[in-house]
N, C-alpha and C. Protein backbone atom coordinates (compact mmCIF):
# COMPACT_ATOMS: atom_id res chain seq x y z
N UNK A 1 107.88 64.41 3.12
CA UNK A 1 107.73 64.11 1.72
C UNK A 1 106.36 63.50 1.50
N UNK A 2 105.67 63.99 0.49
CA UNK A 2 104.32 63.51 0.19
C UNK A 2 104.38 62.59 -1.02
N UNK A 3 103.80 61.40 -0.88
CA UNK A 3 103.75 60.46 -1.99
C UNK A 3 102.60 60.81 -2.93
N UNK A 4 102.79 60.60 -4.20
CA UNK A 4 101.78 60.95 -5.19
C UNK A 4 100.65 59.92 -5.26
N UNK A 5 100.91 58.70 -4.84
CA UNK A 5 99.93 57.63 -4.97
C UNK A 5 99.62 57.04 -3.60
N UNK A 6 98.36 56.68 -3.41
CA UNK A 6 97.93 56.12 -2.13
C UNK A 6 98.31 54.64 -2.00
N UNK A 7 98.35 53.91 -3.11
CA UNK A 7 98.69 52.50 -3.06
C UNK A 7 99.33 52.07 -4.38
N UNK A 8 99.73 50.81 -4.44
CA UNK A 8 100.41 50.28 -5.62
C UNK A 8 99.51 50.29 -6.86
N UNK A 9 98.24 50.03 -6.67
CA UNK A 9 97.30 50.01 -7.79
C UNK A 9 97.23 51.38 -8.48
N UNK A 10 97.18 52.43 -7.70
CA UNK A 10 97.15 53.78 -8.28
C UNK A 10 98.46 54.09 -9.00
N UNK A 11 99.56 53.61 -8.45
CA UNK A 11 100.84 53.85 -9.10
C UNK A 11 100.91 53.14 -10.46
N UNK A 12 100.38 51.95 -10.53
CA UNK A 12 100.43 51.19 -11.78
C UNK A 12 99.47 51.76 -12.84
N UNK A 13 98.30 52.21 -12.43
CA UNK A 13 97.32 52.73 -13.40
C UNK A 13 97.58 54.19 -13.77
N UNK A 14 98.07 54.98 -12.84
CA UNK A 14 98.38 56.40 -13.06
C UNK A 14 97.25 57.14 -13.76
N UNK A 15 96.07 57.02 -13.22
CA UNK A 15 94.88 57.69 -13.75
C UNK A 15 94.66 57.41 -15.23
N UNK A 16 94.88 56.17 -15.65
CA UNK A 16 94.64 55.80 -17.04
C UNK A 16 95.86 55.94 -17.94
N UNK A 17 96.95 56.50 -17.45
CA UNK A 17 98.15 56.69 -18.25
C UNK A 17 99.21 55.63 -17.99
N UNK A 18 98.90 54.71 -17.10
CA UNK A 18 99.88 53.70 -16.69
C UNK A 18 100.40 52.84 -17.82
N UNK A 19 99.52 52.46 -18.75
CA UNK A 19 99.95 51.60 -19.86
C UNK A 19 101.02 52.32 -20.68
N UNK A 20 100.81 53.58 -20.98
CA UNK A 20 101.78 54.34 -21.76
C UNK A 20 103.09 54.51 -20.98
N UNK A 21 102.96 54.92 -19.73
CA UNK A 21 104.15 55.21 -18.92
C UNK A 21 104.98 53.95 -18.71
N UNK A 22 104.35 52.85 -18.30
CA UNK A 22 105.10 51.64 -18.00
C UNK A 22 105.64 50.98 -19.26
N UNK A 23 104.92 51.09 -20.39
CA UNK A 23 105.47 50.55 -21.63
C UNK A 23 106.69 51.36 -22.06
N UNK A 24 106.67 52.66 -21.86
CA UNK A 24 107.83 53.49 -22.18
C UNK A 24 109.01 53.15 -21.28
N UNK A 25 108.75 52.89 -20.00
CA UNK A 25 109.81 52.50 -19.08
C UNK A 25 110.42 51.17 -19.50
N UNK A 26 109.58 50.20 -19.85
CA UNK A 26 110.07 48.88 -20.25
C UNK A 26 110.89 48.96 -21.53
N UNK A 27 110.41 49.70 -22.51
CA UNK A 27 111.15 49.85 -23.77
C UNK A 27 112.50 50.51 -23.51
N UNK A 28 112.51 51.53 -22.68
CA UNK A 28 113.75 52.22 -22.35
C UNK A 28 114.74 51.29 -21.67
N UNK A 29 114.28 50.50 -20.71
CA UNK A 29 115.16 49.56 -20.03
C UNK A 29 115.70 48.50 -20.98
N UNK A 30 114.88 48.01 -21.89
CA UNK A 30 115.33 47.02 -22.86
C UNK A 30 116.43 47.61 -23.75
N UNK A 31 116.24 48.84 -24.18
CA UNK A 31 117.25 49.50 -25.03
C UNK A 31 118.55 49.71 -24.25
N UNK A 32 118.46 50.17 -23.02
CA UNK A 32 119.66 50.41 -22.21
C UNK A 32 120.40 49.09 -21.96
N UNK A 33 119.67 48.04 -21.63
CA UNK A 33 120.31 46.74 -21.42
C UNK A 33 120.97 46.26 -22.71
N UNK A 34 120.30 46.46 -23.84
CA UNK A 34 120.88 46.09 -25.13
C UNK A 34 122.16 46.87 -25.42
N UNK A 35 122.17 48.14 -25.08
CA UNK A 35 123.35 48.96 -25.31
C UNK A 35 124.53 48.55 -24.42
N UNK A 36 124.24 47.87 -23.34
CA UNK A 36 125.30 47.38 -22.46
C UNK A 36 125.76 45.99 -22.89
N UNK A 37 124.80 45.10 -23.18
CA UNK A 37 125.12 43.70 -23.45
C UNK A 37 125.74 43.50 -24.83
N UNK A 38 125.22 44.16 -25.84
CA UNK A 38 125.70 43.94 -27.21
C UNK A 38 127.19 44.20 -27.38
N UNK A 39 127.73 45.33 -26.90
CA UNK A 39 129.18 45.54 -27.03
C UNK A 39 130.00 44.49 -26.28
N UNK A 40 129.50 44.03 -25.15
CA UNK A 40 130.21 43.00 -24.40
C UNK A 40 130.29 41.71 -25.21
N UNK A 41 129.19 41.34 -25.84
CA UNK A 41 129.19 40.14 -26.68
C UNK A 41 130.09 40.32 -27.90
N UNK A 42 130.05 41.50 -28.52
CA UNK A 42 130.90 41.77 -29.67
C UNK A 42 132.37 41.72 -29.28
N UNK A 43 132.70 42.19 -28.10
CA UNK A 43 134.08 42.16 -27.61
C UNK A 43 134.55 40.72 -27.45
N UNK A 44 133.68 39.89 -26.89
CA UNK A 44 134.01 38.49 -26.71
C UNK A 44 134.25 37.81 -28.06
N UNK A 45 133.40 38.07 -29.03
CA UNK A 45 133.55 37.50 -30.37
C UNK A 45 134.85 37.98 -31.01
N UNK A 46 135.16 39.25 -30.85
CA UNK A 46 136.40 39.80 -31.43
C UNK A 46 137.62 39.14 -30.81
N UNK A 47 137.61 38.94 -29.50
CA UNK A 47 138.74 38.28 -28.85
C UNK A 47 138.90 36.84 -29.33
N UNK A 48 137.79 36.15 -29.52
CA UNK A 48 137.85 34.78 -30.04
C UNK A 48 138.41 34.76 -31.46
N UNK A 49 138.02 35.71 -32.29
CA UNK A 49 138.53 35.78 -33.66
C UNK A 49 140.03 36.07 -33.66
N UNK A 50 140.47 36.95 -32.80
CA UNK A 50 141.90 37.26 -32.71
C UNK A 50 142.68 36.03 -32.27
N UNK A 51 142.15 35.30 -31.29
CA UNK A 51 142.82 34.09 -30.82
C UNK A 51 142.90 33.05 -31.95
N UNK A 52 141.85 32.92 -32.73
CA UNK A 52 141.86 31.98 -33.85
C UNK A 52 142.87 32.42 -34.91
N UNK A 53 142.92 33.70 -35.20
CA UNK A 53 143.87 34.21 -36.18
C UNK A 53 145.31 33.97 -35.73
N UNK A 54 145.60 34.20 -34.45
CA UNK A 54 146.94 33.98 -33.93
C UNK A 54 147.32 32.50 -34.00
N UNK A 55 146.37 31.63 -33.64
CA UNK A 55 146.63 30.19 -33.70
C UNK A 55 146.85 29.75 -35.15
N UNK A 56 146.07 30.28 -36.06
CA UNK A 56 146.20 29.95 -37.48
C UNK A 56 147.56 30.42 -38.02
N UNK A 57 147.97 31.61 -37.63
CA UNK A 57 149.26 32.15 -38.07
C UNK A 57 150.42 31.33 -37.49
N UNK A 58 150.32 30.94 -36.23
CA UNK A 58 151.35 30.12 -35.61
C UNK A 58 151.47 28.78 -36.32
N UNK A 59 150.33 28.17 -36.64
CA UNK A 59 150.33 26.89 -37.34
C UNK A 59 150.93 27.04 -38.74
N UNK A 60 150.59 28.14 -39.42
CA UNK A 60 151.12 28.39 -40.75
C UNK A 60 152.63 28.52 -40.72
N UNK A 61 153.15 29.23 -39.70
CA UNK A 61 154.60 29.40 -39.57
C UNK A 61 155.28 28.07 -39.27
N UNK A 62 154.65 27.23 -38.42
CA UNK A 62 155.23 25.94 -38.10
C UNK A 62 155.29 25.04 -39.34
N UNK A 63 154.25 25.05 -40.13
CA UNK A 63 154.19 24.22 -41.34
C UNK A 63 155.22 24.72 -42.36
N UNK A 64 155.38 26.03 -42.46
CA UNK A 64 156.32 26.59 -43.42
C UNK A 64 157.76 26.52 -42.93
N UNK A 65 157.96 26.20 -41.65
CA UNK A 65 159.31 26.11 -41.08
C UNK A 65 159.92 27.44 -40.78
N UNK A 66 159.12 28.46 -40.61
CA UNK A 66 159.62 29.79 -40.30
C UNK A 66 159.89 29.90 -38.80
N UNK A 67 160.75 30.82 -38.43
CA UNK A 67 160.99 31.09 -37.01
C UNK A 67 160.56 32.53 -36.71
N UNK A 68 160.32 32.81 -35.44
CA UNK A 68 159.86 34.16 -35.05
C UNK A 68 160.91 35.15 -35.22
């Protein structure tokens, strides 16, 4: 297997195209990480809201004297 670059410096500069290439890689990684993290955070918030709603409903039933 033949490597395209002789050293790390050549890989980073890529004959003058390195800024474009590496900025595109960074933006892509940020977007992918966001697409993974955001739903996880939203799921956690939704579970907390459901738990609060259930606790509120239980308290309401206790105050009203209702049974399950």
